[in-house]
């Protein structure tokens, strides 16, 4: 499975492990829902669209988009390195900050 599109539903939460084992997943499209937090994401994600949700800064784990420097911390295991992430859409949420640093692979 390489692409999941759950756009324009009434999804308010996603189990933290829902996508964890989907190692081939590249595109996760979740706009126009009611999400307040992001689940653990597979490291192969290239396209993440979560605009028009209710995401809060506290709903994005501190290392969500960080590229691993080879460290094996608890946070790294919760949210694997996003070194392939190219497109990230977070507009129209309730964010007051973004955990960084963002990966250099981002294009948009």
PDB file of N, CA and C in Angstrom:
ATOM      1  N   UNK A   1       0.849  -1.183   0.000  1.00  0.00           N
ATOM      2  CA  UNK A   1       0.000   0.000   0.000  1.00  0.00           C
ATOM      3  C   UNK A   1       0.888   1.236   0.000  1.00  0.00           C
ATOM      4  N   UNK A   2       0.761   2.068  -1.037  1.00  0.00           N
ATOM      5  CA  UNK A   2       1.614   3.243  -1.163  1.00  0.00           C
ATOM      6  C   UNK A   2       0.883   4.550  -0.900  1.00  0.00           C
ATOM      7  N   UNK A   3      -0.458   4.528  -1.003  1.00  0.00           N
ATOM      8  CA  UNK A   3      -1.216   5.771  -0.874  1.00  0.00           C
ATOM      9  C   UNK A   3      -2.509   5.520  -0.111  1.00  0.00           C
ATOM     10  N   UNK A   4      -2.758   6.393   0.860  1.00  0.00           N
ATOM     11  CA  UNK A   4      -4.022   6.360   1.586  1.00  0.00           C
ATOM     12  C   UNK A   4      -4.628   7.753   1.517  1.00  0.00           C
ATOM     13  N   UNK A   5      -5.871   7.817   1.056  1.00  0.00           N
ATOM     14  CA  UNK A   5      -6.585   9.091   0.960  1.00  0.00           C
ATOM     15  C   UNK A   5      -7.872   8.978   1.771  1.00  0.00           C
ATOM     16  N   UNK A   6      -7.912   9.689   2.878  1.00  0.00           N
ATOM     17  CA  UNK A   6      -9.086   9.710   3.747  1.00  0.00           C
ATOM     18  C   UNK A   6      -9.634  11.133   3.846  1.00  0.00           C
ATOM     19  N   UNK A   7      -9.560  11.852   2.761  1.00  0.00           N
ATOM     20  CA  UNK A   7      -9.987  13.255   2.715  1.00  0.00           C
ATOM     21  C   UNK A   7     -11.462  13.405   3.025  1.00  0.00           C
ATOM     22  N   UNK A   8     -11.766  14.547   3.639  1.00  0.00           N
ATOM     23  CA  UNK A   8     -13.143  15.004   3.804  1.00  0.00           C
ATOM     24  C   UNK A   8     -14.042  13.991   4.497  1.00  0.00           C
ATOM     25  N   UNK A   9     -13.597  13.542   5.657  1.00  0.00           N
ATOM     26  CA  UNK A   9     -14.397  12.669   6.515  1.00  0.00           C
ATOM     27  C   UNK A   9     -14.601  13.374   7.842  1.00  0.00           C
ATOM     28  N   UNK A  10     -15.046  12.682   8.808  1.00  0.00           N
ATOM     29  CA  UNK A  10     -15.207  13.250  10.150  1.00  0.00           C
ATOM     30  C   UNK A  10     -14.255  12.572  11.130  1.00  0.00           C
ATOM     31  N   UNK A  11     -13.075  12.205  10.653  1.00  0.00           N
ATOM     32  CA  UNK A  11     -12.111  11.488  11.485  1.00  0.00           C
ATOM     33  C   UNK A  11     -11.555  12.447  12.539  1.00  0.00           C
ATOM     34  N   UNK A  12     -11.731  12.095  13.810  1.00  0.00           N
ATOM     35  CA  UNK A  12     -11.235  12.953  14.885  1.00  0.00           C
ATOM     36  C   UNK A  12      -9.975  12.390  15.530  1.00  0.00           C
ATOM     37  N   UNK A  13      -9.735  11.106  15.362  1.00  0.00           N
ATOM     38  CA  UNK A  13      -8.507  10.521  15.909  1.00  0.00           C
ATOM     39  C   UNK A  13      -8.132   9.289  15.092  1.00  0.00           C
ATOM     40  N   UNK A  14      -6.844   9.000  15.114  1.00  0.00           N
ATOM     41  CA  UNK A  14      -6.310   7.817  14.443  1.00  0.00           C
ATOM     42  C   UNK A  14      -5.444   7.096  15.459  1.00  0.00           C
ATOM     43  N   UNK A  15      -5.644   5.816  15.597  1.00  0.00           N
ATOM     44  CA  UNK A  15      -4.832   5.033  16.530  1.00  0.00           C
ATOM     45  C   UNK A  15      -3.348   5.273  16.246  1.00  0.00           C
ATOM     46  N   UNK A  16      -2.583   5.443  17.303  1.00  0.00           N
ATOM     47  CA  UNK A  16      -1.167   5.781  17.150  1.00  0.00           C
ATOM     48  C   UNK A  16      -0.393   4.755  16.320  1.00  0.00           C
ATOM     49  N   UNK A  17      -0.833   3.517  16.284  1.00  0.00           N
ATOM     50  CA  UNK A  17      -0.150   2.464  15.540  1.00  0.00           C
ATOM     51  C   UNK A  17      -0.776   2.152  14.182  1.00  0.00           C
ATOM     52  N   UNK A  18      -1.764   2.910  13.762  1.00  0.00           N
ATOM     53  CA  UNK A  18      -2.518   2.593  12.545  1.00  0.00           C
ATOM     54  C   UNK A  18      -1.650   2.457  11.301  1.00  0.00           C
ATOM     55  N   UNK A  19      -0.623   3.290  11.156  1.00  0.00           N
ATOM     56  CA  UNK A  19       0.204   3.288   9.945  1.00  0.00           C
ATOM     57  C   UNK A  19       1.615   2.776  10.195  1.00  0.00           C
ATOM     58  N   UNK A  20       1.928   2.455  11.415  1.00  0.00           N
ATOM     59  CA  UNK A  20       3.303   2.125  11.823  1.00  0.00           C
ATOM     60  C   UNK A  20       3.940   1.023  10.965  1.00  0.00           C
ATOM     61  N   UNK A  21       3.200  -0.011  10.614  1.00  0.00           N
ATOM     62  CA  UNK A  21       3.769  -1.144   9.886  1.00  0.00           C
ATOM     63  C   UNK A  21       3.628  -1.033   8.369  1.00  0.00           C
ATOM     64  N   UNK A  22       3.126   0.078   7.896  1.00  0.00           N
ATOM     65  CA  UNK A  22       2.957   0.276   6.454  1.00  0.00           C
ATOM     66  C   UNK A  22       4.222   0.925   5.893  1.00  0.00           C
ATOM     67  N   UNK A  23       5.285   0.149   5.824  1.00  0.00           N
ATOM     68  CA  UNK A  23       6.600   0.666   5.449  1.00  0.00           C
ATOM     69  C   UNK A  23       6.662   1.183   4.013  1.00  0.00           C
ATOM     70  N   UNK A  24       5.792   0.713   3.138  1.00  0.00           N
ATOM     71  CA  UNK A  24       5.795   1.164   1.746  1.00  0.00           C
ATOM     72  C   UNK A  24       4.943   2.424   1.539  1.00  0.00           C
ATOM     73  N   UNK A  25       4.235   2.863   2.586  1.00  0.00           N
ATOM     74  CA  UNK A  25       3.350   4.020   2.465  1.00  0.00           C
ATOM     75  C   UNK A  25       4.149   5.280   2.136  1.00  0.00           C
ATOM     76  N   UNK A  26       3.763   5.954   1.050  1.00  0.00           N
ATOM     77  CA  UNK A  26       4.447   7.169   0.605  1.00  0.00           C
ATOM     78  C   UNK A  26       3.565   8.405   0.738  1.00  0.00           C
ATOM     79  N   UNK A  27       2.282   8.257   0.449  1.00  0.00           N
ATOM     80  CA  UNK A  27       1.364   9.396   0.463  1.00  0.00           C
ATOM     81  C   UNK A  27       0.266   9.162   1.496  1.00  0.00           C
ATOM     82  N   UNK A  28       0.151  10.102   2.432  1.00  0.00           N
ATOM     83  CA  UNK A  28      -0.912  10.044   3.427  1.00  0.00           C
ATOM     84  C   UNK A  28      -1.695  11.347   3.314  1.00  0.00           C
ATOM     85  N   UNK A  29      -2.949  11.215   2.910  1.00  0.00           N
ATOM     86  CA  UNK A  29      -3.782  12.371   2.580  1.00  0.00           C
ATOM     87  C   UNK A  29      -4.978  12.386   3.530  1.00  0.00           C
ATOM     88  N   UNK A  30      -4.981  13.363   4.431  1.00  0.00           N
ATOM     89  CA  UNK A  30      -5.990  13.416   5.487  1.00  0.00           C
ATOM     90  C   UNK A  30      -6.637  14.793   5.642  1.00  0.00           C
ATOM     91  N   UNK A  31      -6.742  15.619   4.608  1.00  0.00           N
ATOM     92  CA  UNK A  31      -7.316  16.946   4.805  1.00  0.00           C
ATOM     93  C   UNK A  31      -8.813  16.900   5.085  1.00  0.00           C
ATOM     94  N   UNK A  32      -9.300  17.995   5.650  1.00  0.00           N
ATOM     95  CA  UNK A  32     -10.721  18.198   5.893  1.00  0.00           C
ATOM     96  C   UNK A  32     -11.315  17.111   6.783  1.00  0.00           C
ATOM     97  N   UNK A  33     -10.643  16.878   7.891  1.00  0.00           N
ATOM     98  CA  UNK A  33     -11.141  15.997   8.941  1.00  0.00           C
ATOM     99  C   UNK A  33     -11.182  16.796  10.238  1.00  0.00           C
ATOM    100  N   UNK A  34     -11.149  16.131  11.352  1.00  0.00           N
ATOM    101  CA  UNK A  34     -11.171  16.807  12.643  1.00  0.00           C
ATOM    102  C   UNK A  34     -10.027  16.321  13.534  1.00  0.00           C
ATOM    103  N   UNK A  35      -8.915  15.988  12.916  1.00  0.00           N
ATOM    104  CA  UNK A  35      -7.769  15.454  13.654  1.00  0.00           C
ATOM    105  C   UNK A  35      -7.157  16.504  14.570  1.00  0.00           C
ATOM    106  N   UNK A  36      -6.865  16.109  15.800  1.00  0.00           N
ATOM    107  CA  UNK A  36      -6.191  16.983  16.761  1.00  0.00           C
ATOM    108  C   UNK A  36      -4.746  16.574  16.963  1.00  0.00           C
ATOM    109  N   UNK A  37      -4.383  15.357  16.505  1.00  0.00           N
ATOM    110  CA  UNK A  37      -3.025  14.847  16.682  1.00  0.00           C
ATOM    111  C   UNK A  37      -2.670  13.935  15.516  1.00  0.00           C
ATOM    112  N   UNK A  38      -1.366  13.822  15.264  1.00  0.00           N
ATOM    113  CA  UNK A  38      -0.876  12.897  14.247  1.00  0.00           C
ATOM    114  C   UNK A  38      -0.451  11.589  14.901  1.00  0.00           C
ATOM    115  N   UNK A  39      -0.736  10.463  14.255  1.00  0.00           N
ATOM    116  CA  UNK A  39      -0.245   9.180  14.767  1.00  0.00           C
ATOM    117  C   UNK A  39       1.226   9.001  14.395  1.00  0.00           C
ATOM    118  N   UNK A  40       1.830   7.934  14.853  1.00  0.00           N
ATOM    119  CA  UNK A  40       3.188   7.592  14.434  1.00  0.00           C
ATOM    120  C   UNK A  40       3.149   7.317  12.935  1.00  0.00           C
ATOM    121  N   UNK A  41       4.096   7.894  12.217  1.00  0.00           N
ATOM    122  CA  UNK A  41       4.114   7.771  10.766  1.00  0.00           C
ATOM    123  C   UNK A  41       5.298   6.924  10.315  1.00  0.00           C
ATOM    124  N   UNK A  42       5.124   6.125   9.260  1.00  0.00           N
ATOM    125  CA  UNK A  42       6.251   5.353   8.725  1.00  0.00           C
ATOM    126  C   UNK A  42       7.316   6.288   8.154  1.00  0.00           C
ATOM    127  N   UNK A  43       8.547   5.863   8.182  1.00  0.00           N
ATOM    128  CA  UNK A  43       9.660   6.711   7.753  1.00  0.00           C
ATOM    129  C   UNK A  43       9.673   6.983   6.253  1.00  0.00           C
ATOM    130  N   UNK A  44       8.942   6.209   5.455  1.00  0.00           N
ATOM    131  CA  UNK A  44       8.955   6.373   4.006  1.00  0.00           C
ATOM    132  C   UNK A  44       7.982   7.404   3.469  1.00  0.00           C
ATOM    133  N   UNK A  45       7.265   8.098   4.343  1.00  0.00           N
ATOM    134  CA  UNK A  45       6.290   9.092   3.893  1.00  0.00           C
ATOM    135  C   UNK A  45       6.990  10.181   3.088  1.00  0.00           C
ATOM    136  N   UNK A  46       6.452  10.454   1.890  1.00  0.00           N
ATOM    137  CA  UNK A  46       6.979  11.515   1.025  1.00  0.00           C
ATOM    138  C   UNK A  46       6.011  12.682   0.924  1.00  0.00           C
ATOM    139  N   UNK A  47       4.713  12.394   1.068  1.00  0.00           N
ATOM    140  CA  UNK A  47       3.665  13.397   0.886  1.00  0.00           C
ATOM    141  C   UNK A  47       2.708  13.289   2.068  1.00  0.00           C
ATOM    142  N   UNK A  48       2.610  14.352   2.857  1.00  0.00           N
ATOM    143  CA  UNK A  48       1.718  14.357   4.018  1.00  0.00           C
ATOM    144  C   UNK A  48       0.838  15.594   3.947  1.00  0.00           C
ATOM    145  N   UNK A  49      -0.454  15.372   3.791  1.00  0.00           N
ATOM    146  CA  UNK A  49      -1.413  16.473   3.707  1.00  0.00           C
ATOM    147  C   UNK A  49      -2.413  16.338   4.844  1.00  0.00           C
ATOM    148  N   UNK A  50      -2.336  17.265   5.782  1.00  0.00           N
ATOM    149  CA  UNK A  50      -3.271  17.272   6.910  1.00  0.00           C
ATOM    150  C   UNK A  50      -3.870  18.666   7.094  1.00  0.00           C
ATOM    151  N   UNK A  51      -4.023  19.395   5.982  1.00  0.00           N
ATOM    152  CA  UNK A  51      -4.612  20.730   6.112  1.00  0.00           C
ATOM    153  C   UNK A  51      -6.104  20.619   6.426  1.00  0.00           C
ATOM    154  N   UNK A  52      -6.645  21.716   6.940  1.00  0.00           N
ATOM    155  CA  UNK A  52      -8.065  21.788   7.320  1.00  0.00           C
ATOM    156  C   UNK A  52      -8.465  20.703   8.327  1.00  0.00           C
ATOM    157  N   UNK A  53      -7.704  20.630   9.394  1.00  0.00           N
ATOM    158  CA  UNK A  53      -8.026  19.763  10.526  1.00  0.00           C
ATOM    159  C   UNK A  53      -8.040  20.622  11.774  1.00  0.00           C
ATOM    160  N   UNK A  54      -7.919  20.002  12.920  1.00  0.00           N
ATOM    161  CA  UNK A  54      -7.859  20.711  14.199  1.00  0.00           C
ATOM    162  C   UNK A  54      -6.544  20.406  14.912  1.00  0.00           C
ATOM    163  N   UNK A  55      -5.510  20.175  14.120  1.00  0.00           N
ATOM    164  CA  UNK A  55      -4.207  19.831  14.695  1.00  0.00           C
ATOM    165  C   UNK A  55      -3.718  20.932  15.619  1.00  0.00           C
ATOM    166  N   UNK A  56      -3.254  20.521  16.783  1.00  0.00           N
ATOM    167  CA  UNK A  56      -2.655  21.438  17.736  1.00  0.00           C
ATOM    168  C   UNK A  56      -1.172  21.103  17.829  1.00  0.00           C
ATOM    169  N   UNK A  57      -0.376  22.062  18.201  1.00  0.00           N
ATOM    170  CA  UNK A  57       1.064  21.820  18.324  1.00  0.00           C
ATOM    171  C   UNK A  57       1.351  20.664  19.265  1.00  0.00           C
ATOM    172  N   UNK A  58       0.563  20.531  20.314  1.00  0.00           N
ATOM    173  CA  UNK A  58       0.758  19.424  21.267  1.00  0.00           C
ATOM    174  C   UNK A  58       0.412  18.073  20.650  1.00  0.00           C
ATOM    175  N   UNK A  59      -0.274  18.065  19.511  1.00  0.00           N
ATOM    176  CA  UNK A  59      -0.640  16.833  18.829  1.00  0.00           C
ATOM    177  C   UNK A  59       0.403  16.363  17.827  1.00  0.00           C
ATOM    178  N   UNK A  60       1.498  17.125  17.718  1.00  0.00           N
ATOM    179  CA  UNK A  60       2.611  16.724  16.858  1.00  0.00           C
ATOM    180  C   UNK A  60       3.795  16.452  17.762  1.00  0.00           C
ATOM    181  N   UNK A  61       4.240  15.223  17.776  1.00  0.00           N
ATOM    182  CA  UNK A  61       5.332  14.846  18.668  1.00  0.00           C
ATOM    183  C   UNK A  61       6.596  15.641  18.345  1.00  0.00           C
ATOM    184  N   UNK A  62       7.416  15.937  19.350  1.00  0.00           N
ATOM    185  CA  UNK A  62       8.590  16.798  19.166  1.00  0.00           C
ATOM    186  C   UNK A  62       9.530  16.380  18.042  1.00  0.00           C
ATOM    187  N   UNK A  63       9.667  15.109  17.768  1.00  0.00           N
ATOM    188  CA  UNK A  63      10.589  14.654  16.721  1.00  0.00           C
ATOM    189  C   UNK A  63       9.849  14.205  15.460  1.00  0.00           C
ATOM    190  N   UNK A  64       8.665  14.705  15.249  1.00  0.00           N
ATOM    191  CA  UNK A  64       7.826  14.228  14.150  1.00  0.00           C
ATOM    192  C   UNK A  64       8.498  14.292  12.787  1.00  0.00           C
ATOM    193  N   UNK A  65       9.200  15.370  12.500  1.00  0.00           N
ATOM    194  CA  UNK A  65       9.768  15.552  11.168  1.00  0.00           C
ATOM    195  C   UNK A  65      11.288  15.555  11.190  1.00  0.00           C
ATOM    196  N   UNK A  66      11.866  15.224  12.301  1.00  0.00           N
ATOM    197  CA  UNK A  66      13.323  15.274  12.452  1.00  0.00           C
ATOM    198  C   UNK A  66      13.984  14.117  11.740  1.00  0.00           C
ATOM    199  N   UNK A  67      15.066  14.385  11.068  1.00  0.00           N
ATOM    200  CA  UNK A  67      15.856  13.348  10.415  1.00  0.00           C
ATOM    201  C   UNK A  67      16.835  12.809  11.437  1.00  0.00           C
ATOM    202  N   UNK A  68      16.870  11.520  11.567  1.00  0.00           N
ATOM    203  CA  UNK A  68      17.728  10.883  12.562  1.00  0.00           C
ATOM    204  C   UNK A  68      19.196  11.091  12.249  1.00  0.00           C
ATOM    205  N   UNK A  69      19.967  11.327  13.279  1.00  0.00           N
ATOM    206  CA  UNK A  69      21.413  11.405  13.159  1.00  0.00           C
ATOM    207  C   UNK A  69      22.034  10.107  13.646  1.00  0.00           C
ATOM    208  N   UNK A  70      21.280   9.017  13.585  1.00  0.00           N
ATOM    209  CA  UNK A  70      21.753   7.725  14.055  1.00  0.00           C
ATOM    210  C   UNK A  70      21.455   7.501  15.528  1.00  0.00           C
ATOM    211  N   UNK A  71      20.769   8.448  16.151  1.00  0.00           N
ATOM    212  CA  UNK A  71      20.448   8.308  17.567  1.00  0.00           C
ATOM    213  C   UNK A  71      19.274   7.359  17.742  1.00  0.00           C
ATOM    214  N   UNK A  72      19.321   6.584  18.778  1.00  0.00           N
ATOM    215  CA  UNK A  72      18.238   5.637  19.063  1.00  0.00           C
ATOM    216  C   UNK A  72      17.527   6.054  20.348  1.00  0.00           C
ATOM    217  N   UNK A  73      16.866   7.185  20.304  1.00  0.00           N
ATOM    218  CA  UNK A  73      16.173   7.671  21.492  1.00  0.00           C
ATOM    219  C   UNK A  73      14.730   7.172  21.490  1.00  0.00           C
ATOM    220  N   UNK A  74      14.067   7.353  22.609  1.00  0.00           N
ATOM    221  CA  UNK A  74      12.662   6.968  22.723  1.00  0.00           C
ATOM    222  C   UNK A  74      11.832   7.730  21.703  1.00  0.00           C
ATOM    223  N   UNK A  75      12.102   9.013  21.555  1.00  0.00           N
ATOM    224  CA  UNK A  75      11.346   9.828  20.610  1.00  0.00           C
ATOM    225  C   UNK A  75      11.537   9.311  19.190  1.00  0.00           C
ATOM    226  N   UNK A  76      12.758   8.931  18.845  1.00  0.00           N
ATOM    227  CA  UNK A  76      13.020   8.406  17.503  1.00  0.00           C
ATOM    228  C   UNK A  76      12.165   7.177  17.239  1.00  0.00           C
ATOM    229  N   UNK A  77      12.039   6.294  18.223  1.00  0.00           N
ATOM    230  CA  UNK A  77      11.225   5.091  18.034  1.00  0.00           C
ATOM    231  C   UNK A  77       9.747   5.432  17.900  1.00  0.00           C
ATOM    232  N   UNK A  78       9.285   6.476  18.580  1.00  0.00           N
ATOM    233  CA  UNK A  78       7.883   6.860  18.488  1.00  0.00           C
ATOM    234  C   UNK A  78       7.548   7.449  17.118  1.00  0.00           C
ATOM    235  N   UNK A  79       8.459   8.204  16.596  1.00  0.00           N
ATOM    236  CA  UNK A  79       8.241   8.879  15.321  1.00  0.00           C
ATOM    237  C   UNK A  79       9.515   8.747  14.506  1.00  0.00           C
ATOM    238  N   UNK A  80       9.583   7.765  13.649  1.00  0.00           N
ATOM    239  CA  UNK A  80      10.810   7.500  12.905  1.00  0.00           C
ATOM    240  C   UNK A  80      11.182   8.689  12.033  1.00  0.00           C
ATOM    241  N   UNK A  81      12.448   8.737  11.639  1.00  0.00           N
ATOM    242  CA  UNK A  81      12.966   9.838  10.827  1.00  0.00           C
ATOM    243  C   UNK A  81      12.161   9.991   9.540  1.00  0.00           C
ATOM    244  N   UNK A  82      11.910  11.233   9.174  1.00  0.00           N
ATOM    245  CA  UNK A  82      11.125  11.538   7.978  1.00  0.00           C
ATOM    246  C   UNK A  82      12.047  12.052   6.876  1.00  0.00           C
ATOM    247  N   UNK A  83      13.111  11.345   6.595  1.00  0.00           N
ATOM    248  CA  UNK A  83      14.111  11.829   5.653  1.00  0.00           C
ATOM    249  C   UNK A  83      13.665  11.828   4.195  1.00  0.00           C
ATOM    250  N   UNK A  84      12.532  11.228   3.881  1.00  0.00           N
ATOM    251  CA  UNK A  84      12.028  11.220   2.501  1.00  0.00           C
ATOM    252  C   UNK A  84      10.890  12.222   2.290  1.00  0.00           C
ATOM    253  N   UNK A  85      10.465  12.879   3.354  1.00  0.00           N
ATOM    254  CA  UNK A  85       9.331  13.802   3.273  1.00  0.00           C
ATOM    255  C   UNK A  85       9.649  14.962   2.329  1.00  0.00           C
ATOM    256  N   UNK A  86       8.817  15.110   1.285  1.00  0.00           N
ATOM    257  CA  UNK A  86       9.019  16.167   0.300  1.00  0.00           C
ATOM    258  C   UNK A  86       7.926  17.222   0.343  1.00  0.00           C
ATOM    259  N   UNK A  87       6.697  16.811   0.661  1.00  0.00           N
ATOM    260  CA  UNK A  87       5.570  17.723   0.652  1.00  0.00           C
ATOM    261  C   UNK A  87       4.832  17.615   1.983  1.00  0.00           C
ATOM    262  N   UNK A  88       4.648  18.754   2.637  1.00  0.00           N
ATOM    263  CA  UNK A  88       4.011  18.808   3.950  1.00  0.00           C
ATOM    264  C   UNK A  88       3.005  19.949   3.945  1.00  0.00           C
ATOM    265  N   UNK A  89       1.736  19.617   4.108  1.00  0.00           N
ATOM    266  CA  UNK A  89       0.676  20.616   4.098  1.00  0.00           C
ATOM    267  C   UNK A  89      -0.018  20.627   5.459  1.00  0.00           C
ATOM    268  N   UNK A  90       0.152  21.729   6.175  1.00  0.00           N
ATOM    269  CA  UNK A  90      -0.375  21.868   7.536  1.00  0.00           C
ATOM    270  C   UNK A  90      -1.302  23.071   7.685  1.00  0.00           C
ATOM    271  N   UNK A  91      -1.667  23.721   6.600  1.00  0.00           N
ATOM    272  CA  UNK A  91      -2.456  24.956   6.692  1.00  0.00           C
ATOM    273  C   UNK A  91      -3.830  24.707   7.305  1.00  0.00           C
ATOM    274  N   UNK A  92      -4.387  25.774   7.845  1.00  0.00           N
ATOM    275  CA  UNK A  92      -5.738  25.765   8.411  1.00  0.00           C
ATOM    276  C   UNK A  92      -5.900  24.746   9.530  1.00  0.00           C
ATOM    277  N   UNK A  93      -4.991  24.805  10.484  1.00  0.00           N
ATOM    278  CA  UNK A  93      -5.062  24.004  11.708  1.00  0.00           C
ATOM    279  C   UNK A  93      -4.972  24.957  12.891  1.00  0.00           C
ATOM    280  N   UNK A  94      -4.796  24.442  14.070  1.00  0.00           N
ATOM    281  CA  UNK A  94      -4.716  25.258  15.280  1.00  0.00           C
ATOM    282  C   UNK A  94      -3.296  25.252  15.846  1.00  0.00           C
ATOM    283  N   UNK A  95      -2.320  25.281  14.978  1.00  0.00           N
ATOM    284  CA  UNK A  95      -0.913  25.193  15.381  1.00  0.00           C
ATOM    285  C   UNK A  95      -0.399  26.544  15.868  1.00  0.00           C
ATOM    286  N   UNK A  96       0.424  26.511  16.927  1.00  0.00           N
ATOM    287  CA  UNK A  96       1.112  27.727  17.339  1.00  0.00           C
ATOM    288  C   UNK A  96       2.624  27.571  17.191  1.00  0.00           C
ATOM    289  N   UNK A  97       3.072  26.358  16.850  1.00  0.00           N
ATOM    290  CA  UNK A  97       4.487  26.111  16.562  1.00  0.00           C
ATOM    291  C   UNK A  97       4.613  24.788  15.805  1.00  0.00           C
ATOM    292  N   UNK A  98       5.758  24.617  15.173  1.00  0.00           N
ATOM    293  CA  UNK A  98       6.065  23.388  14.437  1.00  0.00           C
ATOM    294  C   UNK A  98       7.347  22.817  15.016  1.00  0.00           C
ATOM    295  N   UNK A  99       7.344  21.534  15.388  1.00  0.00           N
ATOM    296  CA  UNK A  99       8.596  20.952  15.879  1.00  0.00           C
ATOM    297  C   UNK A  99       9.632  20.907  14.771  1.00  0.00           C
ATOM    298  N   UNK A 100      10.834  21.225  15.092  1.00  0.00           N
ATOM    299  CA  UNK A 100      11.887  21.233  14.086  1.00  0.00           C
ATOM    300  C   UNK A 100      13.097  20.490  14.589  1.00  0.00           C
ATOM    301  N   UNK A 101      14.094  20.416  13.784  1.00  0.00           N
ATOM    302  CA  UNK A 101      14.143  21.010  12.450  1.00  0.00           C
ATOM    303  C   UNK A 101      13.379  20.167  11.439  1.00  0.00           C
ATOM    304  N   UNK A 102      12.903  20.827  10.410  1.00  0.00           N
ATOM    305  CA  UNK A 102      12.223  20.124   9.320  1.00  0.00           C
ATOM    306  C   UNK A 102      13.279  19.499   8.410  1.00  0.00           C
ATOM    307  N   UNK A 103      12.952  18.381   7.767  1.00  0.00           N
ATOM    308  CA  UNK A 103      13.939  17.726   6.894  1.00  0.00           C
ATOM    309  C   UNK A 103      14.283  18.580   5.673  1.00  0.00           C
ATOM    310  N   UNK A 104      15.516  18.513   5.250  1.00  0.00           N
ATOM    311  CA  UNK A 104      15.973  19.265   4.077  1.00  0.00           C
ATOM    312  C   UNK A 104      15.346  18.745   2.789  1.00  0.00           C
ATOM    313  N   UNK A 105      14.755  17.554   2.831  1.00  0.00           N
ATOM    314  CA  UNK A 105      14.134  16.964   1.644  1.00  0.00           C
ATOM    315  C   UNK A 105      12.836  17.673   1.237  1.00  0.00           C
ATOM    316  N   UNK A 106      12.282  18.533   2.110  1.00  0.00           N
ATOM    317  CA  UNK A 106      11.021  19.214   1.805  1.00  0.00           C
ATOM    318  C   UNK A 106      11.144  20.080   0.571  1.00  0.00           C
ATOM    319  N   UNK A 107      10.149  19.982  -0.300  1.00  0.00           N
ATOM    320  CA  UNK A 107      10.075  20.814  -1.497  1.00  0.00           C
ATOM    321  C   UNK A 107       8.980  21.856  -1.356  1.00  0.00           C
ATOM    322  N   UNK A 108       7.929  21.488  -0.614  1.00  0.00           N
ATOM    323  CA  UNK A 108       6.763  22.375  -0.495  1.00  0.00           C
ATOM    324  C   UNK A 108       6.052  22.100   0.806  1.00  0.00           C
TER     325      UNK A 108
END
